[in-house]
Protein backbone atom coordinates (compact mmCIF):
# COMPACT_ATOMS: atom_id res chain seq x y z
CA MET A 1 103.45 101.71 71.95
CA ALA A 2 103.94 105.01 73.69
CA LYS A 3 106.49 107.59 72.67
CA PHE A 4 108.86 109.41 75.36
CA LYS A 5 110.98 112.40 74.01
CA ASN A 6 109.77 111.36 70.47
CA LYS A 7 111.07 107.75 70.88
CA TYR A 8 109.05 104.59 71.27
CA ARG A 9 109.40 102.93 74.80
CA ILE A 10 108.08 99.69 76.10
CA GLU A 11 105.32 100.35 78.74
CA SER A 12 105.67 99.28 82.21
CA SER A 13 104.53 95.81 83.07
CA ARG A 14 103.99 96.84 86.66
CA ALA A 15 100.49 96.97 87.99
CA GLN A 16 99.72 100.93 87.81
CA TRP A 17 97.21 100.46 90.64
CA TRP A 18 99.77 99.09 93.12
CA ASP A 19 102.40 100.59 95.26
CA TYR A 20 105.25 98.00 95.13
CA GLY A 21 106.61 99.26 98.50
CA SER A 22 103.45 97.89 100.08
CA ASN A 23 103.57 94.85 102.50
CA ALA A 24 102.96 91.93 100.45
CA ALA A 25 104.59 88.73 99.05
CA TYR A 26 105.71 88.75 95.56
CA PHE A 27 106.58 86.10 93.19
CA VAL A 28 109.81 87.20 91.05
CA THR A 29 111.47 85.67 88.09
CA ILE A 30 114.75 87.34 86.74
CA ASN A 31 116.14 85.89 83.46
CA THR A 32 119.64 86.02 82.11
CA LYS A 33 120.17 88.07 78.82
CA ASN A 34 119.11 85.81 75.96
CA ARG A 35 118.35 83.01 78.31
CA ILE A 36 121.89 81.96 78.34
CA ARG A 37 122.55 79.11 81.05
CA PHE A 38 125.20 80.77 83.08
CA PHE A 39 124.09 79.39 86.58
CA GLY A 40 124.65 75.74 85.98
CA GLU A 41 122.96 72.80 84.62
CA ILE A 42 120.19 70.33 85.48
CA ILE A 43 121.47 66.71 86.00
CA ASN A 44 119.12 63.98 87.20
CA GLN A 45 116.41 66.55 87.86
CA GLU A 46 118.69 68.56 90.26
CA MET A 47 120.30 71.73 89.73
CA GLN A 48 124.05 71.72 89.68
CA LEU A 49 125.28 75.37 90.27
CA SER A 50 128.15 76.90 88.49
CA GLU A 51 130.37 79.23 90.42
CA LEU A 52 128.28 82.11 89.15
CA GLY A 53 125.09 80.12 90.23
CA LYS A 54 126.47 79.67 93.68
CA HIS A 55 126.97 83.49 93.86
CA ALA A 56 123.60 84.22 92.54
CA GLU A 57 122.14 81.93 95.33
CA SER A 58 124.33 83.55 98.04
CA CYS A 59 123.37 86.99 96.88
CA TRP A 60 119.73 86.14 97.31
CA PHE A 61 119.98 85.00 100.79
CA GLN A 62 121.89 88.34 101.71
CA ILE A 63 118.82 90.50 100.61
CA PRO A 64 117.47 90.79 104.08
CA ASP A 65 121.07 91.99 105.30
CA HIS A 66 120.63 94.97 102.98
CA PHE A 67 116.81 95.42 103.23
CA PRO A 68 115.85 94.38 106.92
CA PHE A 69 112.11 94.77 106.06
CA VAL A 70 112.44 91.86 103.64
CA LYS A 71 111.69 88.24 104.47
CA LEU A 72 112.40 85.56 101.81
CA GLY A 73 110.09 82.63 100.71
CA ALA A 74 110.91 79.64 98.29
CA PHE A 75 113.83 80.30 95.90
CA VAL A 76 115.66 78.45 93.34
CA VAL A 77 118.45 79.12 90.83
CA MET A 78 117.91 77.73 87.43
CA PRO A 79 120.46 77.54 84.44
CA ASP A 80 119.19 80.68 82.98
CA HIS A 81 116.94 82.18 85.49
CA ILE A 82 115.89 82.47 89.15
CA HIS A 83 112.48 82.29 90.88
CA GLY A 84 111.76 83.54 94.34
CA ILE A 85 109.17 84.82 96.76
CA VAL A 86 109.89 88.22 98.39
CA HIS A 87 108.05 89.24 101.48
CA ILE A 88 107.92 92.98 102.04
CA GLU A 89 107.08 93.37 105.94
CA LYS A 90 107.52 96.88 106.84
CA SER A 91 106.43 97.75 110.34
CA GLU A 92 104.97 101.17 109.79
CA ILE A 93 102.46 99.97 107.11
CA GLU A 94 99.61 98.19 108.51
CA THR A 95 99.22 94.70 106.86
CA GLN A 96 96.11 92.63 106.14
CA ASP A 97 96.26 88.87 105.98
CA PHE A 98 95.65 86.86 102.78
CA ALA A 99 92.03 85.95 103.80
CA SER A 100 90.86 89.44 103.93
CA ARG A 101 92.58 90.53 100.67
CA GLN A 102 90.64 87.83 98.74
CA THR A 103 87.20 89.33 99.39
CA GLN A 104 88.45 92.93 98.55
CA ASN A 105 89.27 94.82 95.48
CA LEU A 106 93.22 95.25 95.90
CA ALA A 107 92.99 98.40 93.68
CA SER A 108 90.74 100.12 96.27
CA VAL A 109 92.55 98.90 99.36
CA PHE A 110 96.21 99.72 98.58
CA PRO A 111 97.50 103.19 97.39
CA LYS A 112 98.60 103.70 93.98
CA ASN A 113 102.09 103.36 92.91
CA LYS A 114 103.90 106.70 92.94
CA PHE A 115 106.91 108.33 92.05
CA GLY A 116 109.53 109.37 94.68
CA PRO A 117 112.14 107.46 96.53
CA GLN A 118 112.84 104.25 95.13
CA SER A 119 114.78 102.75 97.98
CA LYS A 120 112.07 100.61 99.81
CA ASN A 121 110.26 98.76 97.20
CA LEU A 122 110.43 95.73 95.06
CA GLY A 123 112.22 97.32 92.15
CA SER A 124 115.02 98.57 94.50
CA ILE A 125 115.41 95.06 96.16
CA LEU A 126 115.84 93.34 92.77
CA ARG A 127 117.95 96.13 91.40
CA GLY A 128 120.38 95.58 94.39
CA TYR A 129 120.32 91.75 93.75
CA LYS A 130 121.10 92.04 90.19
CA ILE A 131 123.91 94.49 90.89
CA GLY A 132 125.34 92.11 93.52
CA VAL A 133 125.32 89.12 91.16
CA THR A 134 126.76 91.24 88.29
CA LYS A 135 129.53 92.71 90.18
CA LYS A 136 130.86 89.24 91.09
CA SER A 137 130.34 88.04 87.45
CA LYS A 138 133.04 90.45 86.24
CA LEU A 139 135.68 88.22 87.72
CA ILE A 140 133.92 84.76 87.09
CA CYS A 141 132.18 85.14 83.73
CA PRO A 142 132.63 88.74 82.09
CA LYS A 143 130.00 87.96 79.39
CA PHE A 144 127.28 87.53 81.96
CA LYS A 145 124.22 90.00 81.47
CA TRP A 146 120.75 90.11 82.83
CA GLN A 147 117.61 90.75 81.04
CA PRO A 148 116.91 94.34 81.53
CA ARG A 149 113.47 93.57 83.22
CA TYR A 150 112.12 90.96 85.47
CA HIS A 151 108.55 89.46 86.00
CA ASP A 152 106.70 89.95 89.17
CA HIS A 153 103.32 88.68 90.46
CA ILE A 154 101.54 90.13 93.52
CA ILE A 155 100.63 86.87 95.54
CA ARG A 156 97.01 87.44 96.60
CA ASP A 157 96.02 84.52 98.87
CA GLU A 158 97.31 81.53 100.71
CA ALA A 159 96.20 78.97 98.11
CA GLU A 160 98.08 80.99 95.53
CA TYR A 161 101.08 81.29 97.66
CA GLN A 162 101.13 77.48 98.21
CA ARG A 163 100.89 76.91 94.58
CA ILE A 164 103.63 79.19 93.64
CA HIS A 165 105.86 77.83 96.33
CA ASN A 166 105.44 74.39 95.07
CA TYR A 167 106.11 75.47 91.54
CA ILE A 168 109.37 77.10 92.51
CA ILE A 169 110.46 73.91 94.70
CA ALA A 170 109.61 71.68 91.81
CA ASN A 171 111.23 73.77 89.06
CA PRO A 172 114.31 71.55 88.67
CA LYS A 173 112.38 68.43 88.57
CA ASN A 174 110.25 69.94 85.65
CA TRP A 175 113.18 71.35 83.51
CA GLY A 176 112.88 70.35 79.94
CA LYS A 177 109.39 69.00 80.31
CA PRO A 178 106.68 70.63 77.78
CA LYS A 179 105.44 73.91 79.34
CA GLN A 180 101.78 74.12 79.97
CA LYS A 181 100.20 77.52 79.76
CA LYS A 182 98.96 77.94 83.30
CA ARG A 183 98.39 81.05 85.25
CA LEU A 184 100.29 81.01 88.81
């Protein structure tokens, strides 16, 4: 573990070779702190949203209102986390289709992540989402908190996109089943 200002800190889980402001599809998972089930419960393999869960869902669908360059893919609110696909589609950045990305090394095709304005990237989008849910939670459920980080995965091709889409949609039906170690 590295030190910063003489204190240990957790290394970033973000891909150091990737610019998270680049046009791409991203699979994201955000957990509640300590995996507490604030958003509702699964009954008969269907998610029954709590009031806070309904707000978490509503905030997700408002993301493109705040970030016009974002399109949303599959999404689900689960009792203690959310899964979603975020498409960053900025017009000033030339995009490549999934097929051409399959055959190229992503590290050499896209620019390296860099410091600078953090207002048009995946981190700022998810930070805004988490803030929106947290603000409303103060009235509904004051004890609500997010985990400090989130999980992201850069979707590299159409087959992977479809597999992740299906995983998200089926998530409530698979709740409580033994988990298989399978890479998405």
